[in-house]
Amino acid sequence: MNVNDQELFVQKIRAKYQVKETTGLDALKQLDKKVQRPANLFAVIFGSIAALIMGSGMSLVMTDIAEYIGISNPMVLGIVIGVLGMILLLLNHPIYKGILRARRKKYANEIFALSDQLMKG
């Protein structure tokens, strides 16, 4: 390793440990993440649960799992559970949009004030 490579390597390691100054732009990015994170988290968790519900209904209809758990006519129950999962999946996006809209409304004044401050310099 030559001297230039060593210096570059040392600078990379040193940069990891330096205290970084937060700028207004960093604060604006953090605030934007704070607005979006709960809506995104809800959408992922709710969507995953709804997909599992839909998949459970499909499994009852298409496999022999109903025999093992003692369900004599799995077709109707499987269709009902699958359709319920589909309805929940369809509701996921409007609920996500509602949460995001409410969060944006709640933090709009802070974001506008911070962005105006950054644009004015």
C-alpha atoms as a PDB file:
ATOM      1  CA  MET A   1       0.000   0.000   0.000  1.00  0.00           C
ATOM      2  CA  ASN A   2       1.556   3.293  -1.036  1.00  0.00           C
ATOM      3  CA  VAL A   3       1.449   6.540   0.944  1.00  0.00           C
ATOM      4  CA  ASN A   4      -1.521   8.018  -0.960  1.00  0.00           C
ATOM      5  CA  ASP A   5      -3.603   4.895  -0.402  1.00  0.00           C
ATOM      6  CA  GLN A   6      -2.754   4.936   3.293  1.00  0.00           C
ATOM      7  CA  GLU A   7      -3.769   8.570   3.622  1.00  0.00           C
ATOM      8  CA  LEU A   8      -7.053   7.914   1.834  1.00  0.00           C
ATOM      9  CA  PHE A   9      -7.726   4.917   4.065  1.00  0.00           C
ATOM     10  CA  VAL A  10      -6.958   6.926   7.195  1.00  0.00           C
ATOM     11  CA  GLN A  11      -9.225   9.767   6.039  1.00  0.00           C
ATOM     12  CA  LYS A  12     -12.122   7.347   5.422  1.00  0.00           C
ATOM     13  CA  ILE A  13     -11.812   5.879   8.894  1.00  0.00           C
ATOM     14  CA  ARG A  14     -11.401   9.304  10.460  1.00  0.00           C
ATOM     15  CA  ALA A  15     -14.538  10.599   8.680  1.00  0.00           C
ATOM     16  CA  LYS A  16     -16.613   7.879  10.352  1.00  0.00           C
ATOM     17  CA  TYR A  17     -15.741   9.201  13.802  1.00  0.00           C
ATOM     18  CA  GLN A  18     -16.013  12.930  13.212  1.00  0.00           C
ATOM     19  CA  VAL A  19     -18.998  14.711  14.667  1.00  0.00           C
ATOM     20  CA  LYS A  20     -21.090  15.916  11.776  1.00  0.00           C
ATOM     21  CA  GLU A  21     -22.797  19.268  11.886  1.00  0.00           C
ATOM     22  CA  THR A  22     -26.500  19.151  11.202  1.00  0.00           C
ATOM     23  CA  THR A  23     -27.635  21.659   8.656  1.00  0.00           C
ATOM     24  CA  GLY A  24     -31.101  22.943   7.976  1.00  0.00           C
ATOM     25  CA  LEU A  25     -31.356  20.571   5.031  1.00  0.00           C
ATOM     26  CA  ASP A  26     -30.554  17.621   7.285  1.00  0.00           C
ATOM     27  CA  ALA A  27     -33.246  18.766   9.710  1.00  0.00           C
ATOM     28  CA  LEU A  28     -35.735  19.058   6.835  1.00  0.00           C
ATOM     29  CA  LYS A  29     -34.897  15.537   5.653  1.00  0.00           C
ATOM     30  CA  GLN A  30     -35.307  14.186   9.188  1.00  0.00           C
ATOM     31  CA  LEU A  31     -38.663  15.908   9.558  1.00  0.00           C
ATOM     32  CA  ASP A  32     -39.831  14.488   6.227  1.00  0.00           C
ATOM     33  CA  LYS A  33     -38.814  10.991   7.351  1.00  0.00           C
ATOM     34  CA  LYS A  34     -40.653  11.575  10.635  1.00  0.00           C
ATOM     35  CA  VAL A  35     -43.804  12.348   8.662  1.00  0.00           C
ATOM     36  CA  GLN A  36     -43.579   9.342   6.334  1.00  0.00           C
ATOM     37  CA  ARG A  37     -42.242   6.607   8.644  1.00  0.00           C
ATOM     38  CA  PRO A  38     -45.487   5.771  10.553  1.00  0.00           C
ATOM     39  CA  ALA A  39     -47.530   5.556   7.342  1.00  0.00           C
ATOM     40  CA  ASN A  40     -44.932   3.340   5.666  1.00  0.00           C
ATOM     41  CA  LEU A  41     -44.625   1.108   8.712  1.00  0.00           C
ATOM     42  CA  PHE A  42     -48.387   0.713   8.946  1.00  0.00           C
ATOM     43  CA  ALA A  43     -48.704  -0.103   5.242  1.00  0.00           C
ATOM     44  CA  VAL A  44     -46.021  -2.793   5.376  1.00  0.00           C
ATOM     45  CA  ILE A  45     -47.338  -4.472   8.533  1.00  0.00           C
ATOM     46  CA  PHE A  46     -51.032  -4.245   7.608  1.00  0.00           C
ATOM     47  CA  GLY A  47     -50.342  -5.369   4.033  1.00  0.00           C
ATOM     48  CA  SER A  48     -48.313  -8.344   5.240  1.00  0.00           C
ATOM     49  CA  ILE A  49     -51.036  -9.441   7.629  1.00  0.00           C
ATOM     50  CA  ALA A  50     -53.700  -9.040   4.941  1.00  0.00           C
ATOM     51  CA  ALA A  51     -51.615 -11.068   2.484  1.00  0.00           C
ATOM     52  CA  LEU A  52     -51.224 -13.820   5.079  1.00  0.00           C
ATOM     53  CA  ILE A  53     -54.986 -13.864   5.647  1.00  0.00           C
ATOM     54  CA  MET A  54     -55.618 -14.079   1.909  1.00  0.00           C
ATOM     55  CA  GLY A  55     -53.006 -16.830   1.576  1.00  0.00           C
ATOM     56  CA  SER A  56     -54.611 -18.773   4.423  1.00  0.00           C
ATOM     57  CA  GLY A  57     -57.919 -18.760   2.602  1.00  0.00           C
ATOM     58  CA  MET A  58     -56.248 -19.866  -0.589  1.00  0.00           C
ATOM     59  CA  SER A  59     -54.486 -22.664   1.286  1.00  0.00           C
ATOM     60  CA  LEU A  60     -57.764 -23.946   2.675  1.00  0.00           C
ATOM     61  CA  VAL A  61     -59.206 -24.136  -0.842  1.00  0.00           C
ATOM     62  CA  MET A  62     -56.221 -25.526  -2.720  1.00  0.00           C
ATOM     63  CA  THR A  63     -54.518 -27.904  -0.264  1.00  0.00           C
ATOM     64  CA  ASP A  64     -55.404 -30.730   2.084  1.00  0.00           C
ATOM     65  CA  ILE A  65     -54.646 -28.681   5.185  1.00  0.00           C
ATOM     66  CA  ALA A  66     -58.371 -28.496   6.052  1.00  0.00           C
ATOM     67  CA  GLU A  67     -58.445 -32.265   6.589  1.00  0.00           C
ATOM     68  CA  TYR A  68     -55.632 -32.017   9.134  1.00  0.00           C
ATOM     69  CA  ILE A  69     -57.394 -29.323  11.137  1.00  0.00           C
ATOM     70  CA  GLY A  70     -60.798 -30.989  10.924  1.00  0.00           C
ATOM     71  CA  ILE A  71     -62.762 -28.781   8.519  1.00  0.00           C
ATOM     72  CA  SER A  72     -65.199 -30.860   6.490  1.00  0.00           C
ATOM     73  CA  ASN A  73     -66.069 -28.289   3.771  1.00  0.00           C
ATOM     74  CA  PRO A  74     -63.076 -25.975   3.327  1.00  0.00           C
ATOM     75  CA  MET A  75     -64.233 -24.410   0.041  1.00  0.00           C
ATOM     76  CA  VAL A  76     -66.710 -21.893   1.477  1.00  0.00           C
ATOM     77  CA  LEU A  77     -64.591 -20.990   4.497  1.00  0.00           C
ATOM     78  CA  GLY A  78     -61.465 -20.674   2.334  1.00  0.00           C
ATOM     79  CA  ILE A  79     -63.221 -18.372  -0.123  1.00  0.00           C
ATOM     80  CA  VAL A  80     -64.577 -16.186   2.691  1.00  0.00           C
ATOM     81  CA  ILE A  81     -61.161 -15.900   4.354  1.00  0.00           C
ATOM     82  CA  GLY A  82     -59.441 -15.247   1.006  1.00  0.00           C
ATOM     83  CA  VAL A  83     -61.926 -12.535   0.023  1.00  0.00           C
ATOM     84  CA  LEU A  84     -61.551 -10.946   3.467  1.00  0.00           C
ATOM     85  CA  GLY A  85     -57.786 -10.820   2.913  1.00  0.00           C
ATOM     86  CA  MET A  86     -58.296  -9.261  -0.519  1.00  0.00           C
ATOM     87  CA  ILE A  87     -60.611  -6.603   0.920  1.00  0.00           C
ATOM     88  CA  LEU A  88     -58.016  -5.767   3.578  1.00  0.00           C
ATOM     89  CA  LEU A  89     -55.357  -5.505   0.869  1.00  0.00           C
ATOM     90  CA  LEU A  90     -57.572  -3.153  -1.113  1.00  0.00           C
ATOM     91  CA  LEU A  91     -58.118  -1.001   1.980  1.00  0.00           C
ATOM     92  CA  ASN A  92     -54.400  -0.798   2.730  1.00  0.00           C
ATOM     93  CA  HIS A  93     -53.607   1.976   0.249  1.00  0.00           C
ATOM     94  CA  PRO A  94     -56.476   4.330   1.198  1.00  0.00           C
ATOM     95  CA  ILE A  95     -55.640   3.909   4.888  1.00  0.00           C
ATOM     96  CA  TYR A  96     -51.962   4.593   4.127  1.00  0.00           C
ATOM     97  CA  LYS A  97     -52.901   7.732   2.203  1.00  0.00           C
ATOM     98  CA  GLY A  98     -55.122   8.878   5.089  1.00  0.00           C
ATOM     99  CA  ILE A  99     -52.369   8.435   7.654  1.00  0.00           C
ATOM    100  CA  LEU A 100     -49.880  10.225   5.398  1.00  0.00           C
ATOM    101  CA  ARG A 101     -52.328  13.077   4.755  1.00  0.00           C
ATOM    102  CA  ALA A 102     -52.947  13.523   8.487  1.00  0.00           C
ATOM    103  CA  ARG A 103     -49.223  13.484   9.276  1.00  0.00           C
ATOM    104  CA  ARG A 104     -48.483  15.989   6.517  1.00  0.00           C
ATOM    105  CA  LYS A 105     -51.198  18.278   7.845  1.00  0.00           C
ATOM    106  CA  LYS A 106     -49.798  17.978  11.365  1.00  0.00           C
ATOM    107  CA  TYR A 107     -46.212  18.848  10.371  1.00  0.00           C
ATOM    108  CA  ALA A 108     -46.910  21.221   7.453  1.00  0.00           C
ATOM    109  CA  ASN A 109     -46.223  24.406   9.416  1.00  0.00           C
ATOM    110  CA  GLU A 110     -42.853  23.152  10.656  1.00  0.00           C
ATOM    111  CA  ILE A 111     -41.823  21.983   7.196  1.00  0.00           C
ATOM    112  CA  PHE A 112     -42.902  25.228   5.551  1.00  0.00           C
ATOM    113  CA  ALA A 113     -41.090  27.322   8.152  1.00  0.00           C
ATOM    114  CA  LEU A 114     -37.906  25.298   7.823  1.00  0.00           C
ATOM    115  CA  SER A 115     -38.022  25.224   4.023  1.00  0.00           C
ATOM    116  CA  ASP A 116     -38.697  28.981   3.849  1.00  0.00           C
ATOM    117  CA  GLN A 117     -35.738  29.548   6.143  1.00  0.00           C
ATOM    118  CA  LEU A 118     -33.515  27.411   3.903  1.00  0.00           C
ATOM    119  CA  MET A 119     -34.672  29.049   0.664  1.00  0.00           C
ATOM    120  CA  LYS A 120     -34.119  32.558   2.019  1.00  0.00           C
ATOM    121  CA  GLY A 121     -30.628  31.609   3.094  1.00  0.00           C
END
